C-alpha cells in the first residue's frame, strides 16, 4: 500500500490506507467541534463547517506542514464573538478576509522566524493550557441538552460507559495492531453498540443539523467605507495574530513529534489564503488545530493526503451524509477528544518542578493559566515571551564586568566583558572612576557588545564626563554602527584592526 506522492513541493512516502482512514477519522471529529465553535462565536453551525472545509483543504494542499489539520477553532471564535453580537455575520466575513491578508503579508515578510523568540516553557504552558481547555470543553457533553442539567442515573452510566469504551479502545488497540487508526475503530465500535442495543443517547444531530450545500460564494455585504475598516481592523489583527501563533506553535509541536521540519512562512501564507477564501465562502475563519492534528499524526498520517481526505469527507458529510453523521453518538467523539487532551498534555513538564529555574516555571504556569481562563492564546504566548525576555535581560544585566589595569605608559585600561544594553547600563557606569583615573584611558569592547541605544547614550555621557575634566578616552573594538553613532559624542575613537565580528542570523529557508 505504500506509494510516493508529489503534491506541489513535498516528496512524501505515503501509506494510502493510513492516510485515508486517518483523514476519515479527523473528518468525523471535526463535525462536532466546528459546530461547537460556531455556536461559541454566535454564528450558524454551517459557518463553522464551511470554515473547517475551506481551511482544511487549502492548508492541506499549500501549507508548510504536511499532516497538520486546520479548521474553525475556539481561539478565533472567542475573538470574533463580540463583533458578531454587535455588527452581525457579514462583518465577521469581512474581518476574516482582512485577517487573511495580514497573515499572507506576515508570511511574505518572513515573520514566521519570530517564533524562535517563544521560549520552551511558554510552549509547555500553551500546550498544557490547550489540553485542559479541550478536556473541560468535553464536560458539557455530560449535561442534558434540553435542560442543561448534569446527567444522572442511568443516562450518566450509559453515556459514561460509552465514553470509557471509546477511551479503552484508543488506548489498547495500538498495543495489538496499528493497521487501522484506533480512533476510527472506537467511533465505529461505539456506533455499533448503540445501534445493536438500541441505546438512547446523545448524537451529533442533537447539537444541530449539519445538512447543507457547497459553500456559497459571496462578497461580504458591508459598506466599503473607512468606518467599516476602523471597525474590523482591530478584530482582524487579533484574529491574524492568534491564528499565526496557534498555527506556528502547532507546527513546531508536530515537527518535534515527527522529527521533521515544516515551513513556517509558507504555512503563514497558506493560512492567510485559506482565511481569505473562507470569508468569501461563508466561513468563520480559523487556524491550525492542535487536537485534530495530533489525532491525525497519532494515527500514522505524515503526508498531505490525510488533510485533503479530511476536508473532502467533511464536505461530503455536509452535502450528502448529514443524516448518517448526525446518528454518530456524542459519547464516541467525547471519549476521542478526552484522549486527545490526555495525549496533548506535556506530562513531562510536571517533572520539571523543582528542577527548572523558578522564572521558567512561572512562565509555564502563567501561560497555562492565561490560556485556560482567558482563552486568549496570543495573549498567553506574548505574556510568556515578555516574562522570559525580562528574566533574560535581568540575568544579562548582572553579567557585565570590567577588568582594570594600568600599563607602563600610565594609561588605564578597562576591558569590558558581557553585553552592554539598557539593563546593564547602571552597573557599567559604576565601573569607572572619572575623577581619580589618569589623563588617558582605554575602554576595550573586544569581549563585549554594545547592543542598543541606551548603551550608546551611556557611552556618550561617559566620554563627555571624561572630556569635561580634560581626560582622553579611547574606545576600542567597537562595531561600525556603534562608531557612527558615537562620532556625534565628540569622543576620540581608536579602532583596532580587529573589530567586532559581523553577526548574521541563519538564512531562513521557510519557503
Protein backbone atom coordinates (compact mmCIF):
# COMPACT_ATOMS: atom_id res chain seq x y z
CA UNK A 1 0.00 0.00 0.00
CA UNK A 2 2.98 2.33 0.14
CA UNK A 3 3.49 4.79 -2.72
CA UNK A 4 5.27 8.01 -3.45
CA UNK A 5 3.19 11.12 -3.95
CA UNK A 6 4.39 14.56 -5.02
CA UNK A 7 1.94 17.34 -4.16
CA UNK A 8 3.45 20.67 -5.22
CA UNK A 9 6.73 20.57 -3.32
CA UNK A 10 6.88 17.62 -0.93
CA UNK A 11 8.04 14.15 -1.83
CA UNK A 12 6.30 12.05 0.76
CA UNK A 13 6.23 8.33 1.18
CA UNK A 14 2.56 7.63 1.70
CA UNK A 15 0.66 4.68 3.06
CA UNK A 16 -2.63 5.33 1.29
CA UNK A 17 -4.67 3.20 3.68
CA UNK A 18 -3.41 5.01 6.78
CA UNK A 19 -3.78 8.42 5.16
CA UNK A 20 -7.36 7.80 4.02
CA UNK A 21 -8.54 6.19 7.26
CA UNK A 22 -6.86 8.86 9.35
CA UNK A 23 -8.46 11.59 7.23
CA UNK A 24 -11.87 9.97 7.71
CA UNK A 25 -11.36 9.87 11.48
CA UNK A 26 -10.38 13.53 11.55
CA UNK A 27 -13.42 14.45 9.44
CA UNK A 28 -15.75 12.74 11.93
CA UNK A 29 -14.10 14.52 14.84
CA UNK A 30 -14.21 17.87 13.03
CA UNK A 31 -18.01 17.93 12.81
CA UNK A 32 -18.95 18.48 16.47
CA UNK A 33 -16.01 20.80 17.08
CA UNK A 34 -16.81 23.02 14.09
CA UNK A 35 -20.46 23.21 15.18
CA UNK A 36 -19.48 23.95 18.80
CA UNK A 37 -17.06 26.73 17.80
CA UNK A 38 -19.69 28.31 15.54
CA UNK A 39 -22.11 28.35 18.48
CA UNK A 40 -19.37 29.82 20.67
CA UNK A 41 -18.97 32.68 18.19
CA UNK A 42 -22.74 33.20 18.00
CA UNK A 43 -22.88 32.07 14.36
CA UNK A 44 -24.90 29.42 12.43
CA UNK A 45 -23.40 25.91 12.53
CA UNK A 46 -22.67 25.84 8.80
CA UNK A 47 -20.27 28.81 9.12
CA UNK A 48 -18.05 26.62 11.30
CA UNK A 49 -18.37 23.61 9.00
CA UNK A 50 -17.64 25.65 5.87
CA UNK A 51 -14.61 27.20 7.59
CA UNK A 52 -13.35 23.74 8.55
CA UNK A 53 -13.63 22.57 4.93
CA UNK A 54 -12.02 25.64 3.34
CA UNK A 55 -9.23 25.98 5.93
CA UNK A 56 -8.58 22.26 5.79
CA UNK A 57 -8.35 21.86 2.02
CA UNK A 58 -6.26 24.98 1.33
CA UNK A 59 -3.69 24.39 4.08
CA UNK A 60 -3.50 20.65 3.34
CA UNK A 61 -2.51 21.36 -0.26
CA UNK A 62 -0.45 24.55 0.07
CA UNK A 63 0.61 24.64 3.73
CA UNK A 64 4.08 24.24 5.14
CA UNK A 65 3.40 21.25 7.37
CA UNK A 66 2.07 18.01 5.85
CA UNK A 67 -0.18 16.16 8.28
CA UNK A 68 -1.29 19.27 10.17
CA UNK A 69 -5.03 19.91 10.27
CA UNK A 70 -6.64 23.36 10.13
CA UNK A 71 -10.25 24.38 10.66
CA UNK A 72 -12.59 26.52 12.73
CA UNK A 73 -11.08 26.98 16.20
CA UNK A 74 -12.14 28.17 19.62
CA UNK A 75 -9.30 30.71 19.72
CA UNK A 76 -10.75 32.56 16.72
CA UNK A 77 -14.33 32.14 17.94
CA UNK A 78 -13.53 33.85 21.22
CA UNK A 79 -12.07 36.85 19.36
CA UNK A 80 -15.00 37.44 16.99
CA UNK A 81 -17.96 36.73 19.28
CA UNK A 82 -18.36 40.36 20.39
CA UNK A 83 -18.20 41.60 16.77
CA UNK A 84 -20.83 39.05 15.75
CA UNK A 85 -23.13 40.30 18.51
CA UNK A 86 -22.63 43.99 17.74
CA UNK A 87 -22.47 44.07 13.91
CA UNK A 88 -23.63 40.73 12.58
CA UNK A 89 -22.32 37.90 10.46
CA UNK A 90 -21.36 39.91 7.35
CA UNK A 91 -18.80 41.88 9.37
CA UNK A 92 -17.34 38.55 10.51
CA UNK A 93 -16.78 37.50 6.90
CA UNK A 94 -15.11 40.85 6.12
CA UNK A 95 -12.92 40.54 9.24
CA UNK A 96 -11.80 37.05 8.26
CA UNK A 97 -10.82 38.24 4.77
CA UNK A 98 -8.78 41.14 6.21
CA UNK A 99 -7.14 38.84 8.77
CA UNK A 100 -6.14 36.54 5.92
CA UNK A 101 -4.49 39.44 4.11
CA UNK A 102 -2.50 40.26 7.26
CA UNK A 103 -1.38 36.63 7.54
CA UNK A 104 -0.29 36.47 3.90
CA UNK A 105 1.72 39.66 4.45
CA UNK A 106 3.34 38.13 7.55
CA UNK A 107 4.37 35.07 5.55
CA UNK A 108 5.70 37.09 2.60
CA UNK A 109 7.71 39.25 5.02
CA UNK A 110 9.05 36.05 6.62
CA UNK A 111 7.82 36.92 10.09
CA UNK A 112 7.46 33.23 10.91
CA UNK A 113 11.03 33.36 12.21
CA UNK A 114 9.70 35.34 15.20
CA UNK A 115 8.51 32.02 16.65
CA UNK A 116 12.16 31.47 17.58
CA UNK A 117 11.57 34.03 20.33
CA UNK A 118 8.98 31.84 22.06
CA UNK A 119 10.73 30.04 24.95
CA UNK A 120 10.15 26.36 25.60
CA UNK A 121 8.37 26.93 28.95
CA UNK A 122 5.85 29.11 27.09
CA UNK A 123 5.25 26.28 24.61
CA UNK A 124 4.76 23.88 27.53
CA UNK A 125 2.26 26.28 29.08
CA UNK A 126 0.43 26.78 25.78
CA UNK A 127 0.15 23.03 25.15
CA UNK A 128 -0.94 22.24 28.71
CA UNK A 129 -3.49 25.04 28.74
CA UNK A 130 -4.90 23.92 25.41
CA UNK A 131 -5.11 20.32 26.66
CA UNK A 132 -7.06 21.44 29.73
CA UNK A 133 -9.39 23.55 27.56
CA UNK A 134 -10.05 20.56 25.27
CA UNK A 135 -10.80 18.38 28.31
CA UNK A 136 -13.04 20.93 30.02
CA UNK A 137 -14.99 21.55 26.81
CA UNK A 138 -15.97 17.88 26.81
CA UNK A 139 -17.57 18.14 30.25
CA UNK A 140 -20.56 19.94 28.71
CA UNK A 141 -21.40 16.69 26.96
CA UNK A 142 -22.30 15.28 30.38
CA UNK A 143 -25.24 17.70 30.53
CA UNK A 144 -28.80 17.18 29.33
CA UNK A 145 -29.07 19.12 26.02
CA UNK A 146 -32.71 20.03 26.73
CA UNK A 147 -32.43 21.29 30.33
CA UNK A 148 -28.71 21.96 30.76
CA UNK A 149 -28.66 19.87 33.96
CA UNK A 150 -25.92 17.34 34.64
CA UNK A 151 -26.72 13.79 33.58
CA UNK A 152 -27.61 11.44 36.41
CA UNK A 153 -28.73 7.90 36.99
CA UNK A 154 -28.98 5.57 34.02
CA UNK A 155 -28.29 8.32 31.45
CA UNK A 156 -25.00 9.15 33.15
CA UNK A 157 -23.97 5.49 33.42
CA UNK A 158 -24.75 4.79 29.76
CA UNK A 159 -23.01 7.91 28.45
CA UNK A 160 -20.01 7.50 30.77
CA UNK A 161 -19.73 3.82 29.88
CA UNK A 162 -19.66 4.54 26.17
CA UNK A 163 -17.02 7.22 26.73
CA UNK A 164 -14.89 4.73 28.66
CA UNK A 165 -15.27 2.10 25.92
CA UNK A 166 -14.05 4.65 23.39
CA UNK A 167 -11.06 5.57 25.54
CA UNK A 168 -10.14 1.93 26.21
CA UNK A 169 -10.17 1.09 22.50
CA UNK A 170 -7.99 4.12 21.67
CA UNK A 171 -5.58 3.17 24.47
CA UNK A 172 -5.50 -0.60 23.92
CA UNK A 173 -5.84 -1.22 20.18
CA UNK A 174 -2.43 0.22 19.20
CA UNK A 175 -0.84 -2.30 21.56
CA UNK A 176 -2.35 -5.08 19.43
CA UNK A 177 -2.22 -3.63 15.92
CA UNK A 178 -1.63 -0.34 14.14
CA UNK A 179 -3.10 -1.49 10.84
CA UNK A 180 -6.09 0.82 11.27
CA UNK A 181 -6.47 4.05 13.30
CA UNK A 182 -7.71 3.27 16.81
CA UNK A 183 -9.78 6.46 16.82
CA UNK A 184 -11.84 5.33 13.83
CA UNK A 185 -12.30 1.85 15.26
CA UNK A 186 -13.55 3.32 18.55
CA UNK A 187 -16.11 5.53 16.81
CA UNK A 188 -17.41 2.64 14.70
CA UNK A 189 -17.47 0.29 17.70
CA UNK A 190 -19.49 2.65 19.89
CA UNK A 191 -21.81 3.41 16.95
CA UNK A 192 -22.34 -0.35 16.53
CA UNK A 193 -23.04 -0.87 20.26
CA UNK A 194 -25.60 1.94 20.34
CA UNK A 195 -27.31 0.67 17.18
CA UNK A 196 -27.28 -3.01 18.17
CA UNK A 197 -28.70 -2.46 21.67
CA UNK A 198 -30.97 0.46 20.80
CA UNK A 199 -29.34 2.68 23.41
CA UNK A 200 -30.94 6.11 23.75
CA UNK A 201 -28.01 8.53 23.93
CA UNK A 202 -27.00 11.92 22.56
CA UNK A 203 -25.91 12.07 18.94
CA UNK A 204 -24.32 14.70 16.70
CA UNK A 205 -27.79 15.55 15.40
CA UNK A 206 -28.85 16.62 18.89
CA UNK A 207 -26.37 19.51 18.67
CA UNK A 208 -27.52 20.88 15.30
CA UNK A 209 -28.28 19.84 11.76
CA UNK A 210 -25.18 19.72 9.57
CA UNK A 211 -27.08 19.45 6.30
CA UNK A 212 -26.10 21.97 3.64
CA UNK A 213 -24.76 22.50 0.13
CA UNK A 214 -21.44 23.61 -1.31
CA UNK A 215 -20.15 26.74 0.45
CA UNK A 216 -21.83 29.68 -1.33
CA UNK A 217 -19.56 32.40 -2.69
CA UNK A 218 -20.48 35.97 -1.90
CA UNK A 219 -18.74 39.25 -1.19
CA UNK A 220 -19.33 40.32 2.44
CA UNK A 221 -22.31 42.67 2.48
CA UNK A 222 -20.70 45.52 4.42
CA UNK A 223 -20.29 49.18 3.48
CA UNK A 224 -16.95 49.69 1.76
CA UNK A 225 -16.06 52.72 3.85
CA UNK A 226 -13.25 53.85 6.10
CA UNK A 227 -15.60 53.48 9.07
CA UNK A 228 -16.06 49.78 8.31
CA UNK A 229 -12.29 49.40 8.11
CA UNK A 230 -11.95 51.03 11.52
CA UNK A 231 -14.46 48.57 12.96
CA UNK A 232 -12.99 45.36 11.58
CA UNK A 233 -9.24 46.11 11.61
CA UNK A 234 -8.68 45.60 15.39
CA UNK A 235 -10.52 42.28 15.27
CA UNK A 236 -8.70 41.25 12.08
CA UNK A 237 -5.30 41.96 13.64
CA UNK A 238 -6.10 39.84 16.69
CA UNK A 239 -7.56 37.02 14.58
CA UNK A 240 -4.45 37.08 12.37
CA UNK A 241 -2.11 37.10 15.38
CA UNK A 242 -3.96 34.36 17.27
CA UNK A 243 -4.18 32.23 14.13
CA UNK A 244 -0.49 32.53 13.32
CA UNK A 245 0.65 31.89 16.88
CA UNK A 246 -1.54 28.81 17.27
CA UNK A 247 -0.65 27.52 13.80
CA UNK A 248 3.11 28.00 14.14
CA UNK A 249 3.21 26.56 17.64
CA UNK A 250 1.24 23.55 16.41
CA UNK A 251 3.69 23.26 13.50
CA UNK A 252 6.63 23.23 15.93
CA UNK A 253 4.97 20.57 18.09
CA UNK A 254 4.26 18.34 15.08
CA UNK A 255 7.85 18.89 13.95
CA UNK A 256 9.10 17.54 17.28
CA UNK A 257 6.80 14.51 17.16
CA UNK A 258 7.65 13.57 13.58
CA UNK A 259 11.30 14.68 13.77
CA UNK A 260 10.89 16.64 10.54
CA UNK A 261 10.84 20.35 9.77
CA UNK A 262 7.89 22.32 8.46
CA UNK A 263 7.99 25.71 6.74
CA UNK A 264 6.61 28.43 8.97
CA UNK A 265 6.39 31.23 6.44
CA UNK A 266 4.79 29.03 3.83
CA UNK A 267 2.24 27.94 6.42
CA UNK A 268 1.51 31.59 7.26
CA UNK A 269 0.76 32.35 3.59
CA UNK A 270 -1.45 29.25 3.31
CA UNK A 271 -3.34 30.13 6.50
CA UNK A 272 -3.90 33.65 5.17
CA UNK A 273 -5.10 32.42 1.77
CA UNK A 274 -7.43 29.95 3.48
CA UNK A 275 -8.93 32.67 5.66
CA UNK A 276 -9.43 34.97 2.66
CA UNK A 277 -11.25 32.21 0.80
CA UNK A 278 -13.19 31.26 3.94
CA UNK A 279 -14.50 34.81 4.28
CA UNK A 280 -15.75 34.73 0.69
CA UNK A 281 -17.28 31.24 1.12
CA UNK A 282 -19.39 31.97 4.22
CA UNK A 283 -16.89 30.58 6.72
CA UNK A 284 -15.94 31.97 10.13
CA UNK A 285 -12.21 31.52 9.53
CA UNK A 286 -9.79 29.57 11.67
CA UNK A 287 -6.26 28.24 12.00
CA UNK A 288 -4.35 25.05 12.77
CA UNK A 289 -5.96 22.71 15.30
CA UNK A 290 -3.59 21.02 17.72
CA UNK A 291 -6.09 18.38 18.85
CA UNK A 292 -7.11 17.30 15.35
CA UNK A 293 -3.50 17.42 14.18
CA UNK A 294 -2.50 15.07 16.99
CA UNK A 295 -5.36 12.70 16.07
CA UNK A 296 -4.01 12.67 12.52
CA UNK A 297 -0.34 12.25 13.44
CA UNK A 298 -1.01 9.64 16.13
CA UNK A 299 -2.92 7.58 13.54
CA UNK A 300 0.25 7.44 11.44
CA UNK A 301 -0.51 10.12 8.84
CA UNK A 302 2.52 12.05 7.64
CA UNK A 303 1.56 13.46 4.24
CA UNK A 304 -0.84 15.98 2.74
CA UNK A 305 -3.29 13.30 1.63
CA UNK A 306 -4.84 12.83 5.09
CA UNK A 307 -5.69 16.54 5.39
CA UNK A 308 -7.17 16.58 1.88
CA UNK A 309 -9.27 13.50 2.65
CA UNK A 310 -10.47 15.03 5.93
CA UNK A 311 -11.60 18.24 4.23
CA UNK A 312 -13.26 16.49 1.28
CA UNK A 313 -15.05 13.99 3.52
CA UNK A 314 -16.28 16.81 5.74
CA UNK A 315 -17.87 18.42 2.68
CA UNK A 316 -19.34 15.06 1.67
CA UNK A 317 -20.87 14.76 5.15
CA UNK A 318 -22.41 18.21 4.82
CA UNK A 319 -23.82 17.70 1.33
CA UNK A 320 -24.74 14.01 1.24
CA UNK A 321 -24.16 12.21 4.53
CA UNK A 322 -25.61 14.52 7.13
CA UNK A 323 -28.42 12.12 8.08
CA UNK A 324 -25.90 9.34 8.81
CA UNK A 325 -23.31 11.51 10.58
CA UNK A 326 -25.99 13.02 12.79
CA UNK A 327 -26.52 9.49 14.21
CA UNK A 328 -22.92 9.20 15.49
CA UNK A 329 -23.02 9.05 19.31
CA UNK A 330 -21.52 12.06 21.01
CA UNK A 331 -20.06 9.69 23.61
CA UNK A 332 -17.64 8.33 20.99
CA UNK A 333 -16.45 11.79 19.99
CA UNK A 334 -16.26 12.89 23.64
CA UNK A 335 -14.05 9.92 24.52
CA UNK A 336 -11.89 10.63 21.47
CA UNK A 337 -11.37 14.28 22.45
CA UNK A 338 -10.60 13.36 26.07
CA UNK A 339 -7.87 11.03 24.84
CA UNK A 340 -6.60 13.86 22.62
CA UNK A 341 -6.43 16.08 25.71
CA UNK A 342 -4.52 13.39 27.61
CA UNK A 343 -2.09 12.98 24.72
CA UNK A 344 -1.72 16.73 24.24
CA UNK A 345 -0.76 17.47 27.84
CA UNK A 346 3.01 17.58 28.36
CA UNK A 347 3.21 15.26 31.35
CA UNK A 348 6.99 15.56 31.28
CA UNK A 349 6.58 19.23 32.25
CA UNK A 350 5.29 18.15 35.68
CA UNK A 351 8.62 16.51 36.40
CA UNK A 352 10.40 19.82 35.87
CA UNK A 353 9.01 21.32 39.08
CA UNK A 354 11.91 21.77 41.46
CA UNK A 355 14.41 21.23 38.63
CA UNK A 356 13.82 24.18 36.31
CA UNK A 357 14.60 27.80 37.26
CA UNK A 358 11.71 29.45 39.08
CA UNK A 359 11.35 32.04 36.33
CA UNK A 360 10.81 29.28 33.74
CA UNK A 361 8.24 27.62 35.97
CA UNK A 362 6.49 30.98 36.36
CA UNK A 363 6.34 31.39 32.58
CA UNK A 364 4.93 27.88 32.10
CA UNK A 365 2.28 28.18 34.83
CA UNK A 366 1.26 31.71 33.86
CA UNK A 367 0.87 30.86 30.17
CA UNK A 368 -1.21 27.84 31.16
CA UNK A 369 -3.49 29.92 33.38
CA UNK A 370 -3.95 32.70 30.82
CA UNK A 371 -4.77 30.10 28.16
CA UNK A 372 -7.34 28.40 30.40
CA UNK A 373 -9.12 31.37 31.93
CA UNK A 374 -8.89 33.98 29.15
CA UNK A 375 -8.97 31.59 26.17
CA UNK A 376 -6.58 34.04 24.53
CA UNK A 377 -3.68 32.06 23.14
CA UNK A 378 -1.97 35.09 21.61
CA UNK A 379 -2.01 36.96 24.93
CA UNK A 380 -0.79 33.86 26.77
CA UNK A 381 2.21 33.40 24.49
CA UNK A 382 3.01 37.14 24.49
CA UNK A 383 2.94 37.16 28.31
CA UNK A 384 5.32 34.20 28.34
CA UNK A 385 7.71 35.85 25.88
CA UNK A 386 7.71 39.13 27.85
CA UNK A 387 8.44 37.43 31.18
CA UNK A 388 11.18 35.29 29.64
CA UNK A 389 12.69 38.36 27.96
CA UNK A 390 12.66 40.36 31.19
CA UNK A 391 14.27 37.48 33.04
CA UNK A 392 16.96 37.18 30.36
CA UNK A 393 17.57 40.93 30.48
CA UNK A 394 17.90 40.82 34.27
CA UNK A 395 20.35 37.93 34.19
CA UNK A 396 22.36 39.52 31.36
CA UNK A 397 22.48 42.84 33.21
CA UNK A 398 24.37 41.18 36.07
CA UNK A 399 26.99 39.67 33.79
CA UNK A 400 28.80 42.83 32.72
CA UNK A 401 32.31 43.03 34.18
CA UNK A 402 35.34 45.30 33.82
CA UNK A 403 38.95 44.16 34.27
CA UNK A 404 41.16 47.14 35.10
CA UNK A 405 44.90 47.62 34.67
CA UNK A 406 47.44 50.45 34.15
CA UNK A 407 50.16 49.87 31.54
CA UNK A 408 53.77 51.06 31.56
CA UNK A 409 52.78 54.39 29.97
CA UNK A 410 50.34 55.22 32.75
CA UNK A 411 47.31 54.53 30.55
CA UNK A 412 44.42 52.86 32.37
CA UNK A 413 42.68 50.03 30.51
CA UNK A 414 39.08 48.91 31.13
CA UNK A 415 38.45 45.53 29.49
CA UNK A 416 34.67 45.06 29.35
CA UNK A 417 33.03 41.64 29.49
CA UNK A 418 29.34 40.97 28.85
CA UNK A 419 26.64 42.79 26.85
CA UNK A 420 26.08 46.49 27.32
CA UNK A 421 22.38 47.28 26.94
CA UNK A 422 19.61 49.11 28.78
CA UNK A 423 19.61 46.64 31.66
CA UNK A 424 23.36 46.75 32.34
CA UNK A 425 23.97 50.49 31.88
CA UNK A 426 23.76 51.31 35.60
CA UNK A 427 26.27 48.58 36.56
CA UNK A 428 28.54 49.65 33.68
CA UNK A 429 28.68 53.25 34.90
CA UNK A 430 29.71 52.12 38.39
CA UNK A 431 32.91 50.58 36.99
CA UNK A 432 34.57 53.94 36.19
CA UNK A 433 36.31 56.40 38.50
CA UNK A 434 36.35 59.56 36.36
CA UNK A 435 37.95 61.93 38.88
CA UNK A 436 40.76 59.61 40.02
CA UNK A 437 41.60 57.98 36.67
CA UNK A 438 44.79 59.06 34.80
CA UNK A 439 44.70 61.51 31.89
CA UNK A 440 44.29 58.78 29.31
CA UNK A 441 42.10 55.68 29.47
CA UNK A 442 41.20 52.88 27.05
CA UNK A 443 37.82 51.11 27.11
CA UNK A 444 38.16 47.80 25.28
CA UNK A 445 34.98 46.13 23.94
CA UNK A 446 36.68 43.11 22.38
CA UNK A 447 34.74 40.75 24.65
CA UNK A 448 31.63 42.88 24.93
CA UNK A 449 28.84 44.01 22.66
CA UNK A 450 27.12 47.38 22.51
CA UNK A 451 23.53 46.34 21.93
CA UNK A 452 21.06 49.23 21.92
CA UNK A 453 20.54 52.98 22.04
CA UNK A 454 20.64 53.05 25.84
CA UNK A 455 24.16 51.64 25.68
CA UNK A 456 25.19 54.22 23.07
CA UNK A 457 23.81 57.02 25.23
CA UNK A 458 25.69 55.66 28.27
CA UNK A 459 28.96 55.76 26.29
CA UNK A 460 28.18 59.27 25.09
CA UNK A 461 27.68 60.52 28.62
CA UNK A 462 30.74 58.67 29.92
CA UNK A 463 33.02 60.22 27.28
CA UNK A 464 31.53 63.64 27.98
CA UNK A 465 32.30 63.24 31.70
CA UNK A 466 35.95 62.41 30.94
CA UNK A 467 36.21 65.26 28.43
CA UNK A 468 34.91 67.77 30.96
CA UNK A 469 37.85 67.03 33.27
CA UNK A 470 40.35 67.14 30.38
CA UNK A 471 40.94 63.43 30.05
CA UNK A 472 41.27 61.49 26.83
CA UNK A 473 39.15 58.35 26.12
CA UNK A 474 39.88 55.67 23.52
CA UNK A 475 37.04 53.25 22.68
CA UNK A 476 38.43 50.13 21.03
CA UNK A 477 36.89 47.19 19.16
CA UNK A 478 33.54 48.88 18.56
CA UNK A 479 31.36 47.77 15.66
CA UNK A 480 30.91 50.18 12.76
CA UNK A 481 27.30 51.07 13.59
CA UNK A 482 28.29 51.99 17.15
CA UNK A 483 31.22 54.09 15.90
CA UNK A 484 28.96 56.07 13.58
CA UNK A 485 26.62 56.93 16.45
CA UNK A 486 29.47 57.73 18.83
CA UNK A 487 31.02 60.21 16.38
CA UNK A 488 28.36 62.69 17.47
CA UNK A 489 29.59 62.50 21.08
CA UNK A 490 32.98 64.06 20.26
CA UNK A 491 34.84 61.06 21.66
CA UNK A 492 38.32 60.15 20.44
CA UNK A 493 37.77 56.73 18.94
CA UNK A 494 40.68 54.46 18.26
CA UNK A 495 39.75 51.36 16.30
CA UNK A 496 41.88 48.25 16.29
CA UNK A 497 42.41 46.21 13.17
CA UNK A 498 40.16 43.57 14.72
CA UNK A 499 36.67 44.96 15.06
CA UNK A 500 33.55 43.30 16.35
CA UNK A 501 32.63 40.27 14.25
CA UNK A 502 29.65 40.55 11.94
CA UNK A 503 26.70 38.71 13.47
CA UNK A 504 24.31 37.17 10.96
CA UNK A 505 21.09 35.28 11.52
CA UNK A 506 20.97 31.89 9.86
CA UNK A 507 19.46 32.11 6.41
CA UNK A 508 15.71 31.48 6.61
CA UNK A 509 14.60 28.63 4.36
CA UNK A 510 10.97 28.68 5.43
CA UNK A 511 9.63 28.97 1.88
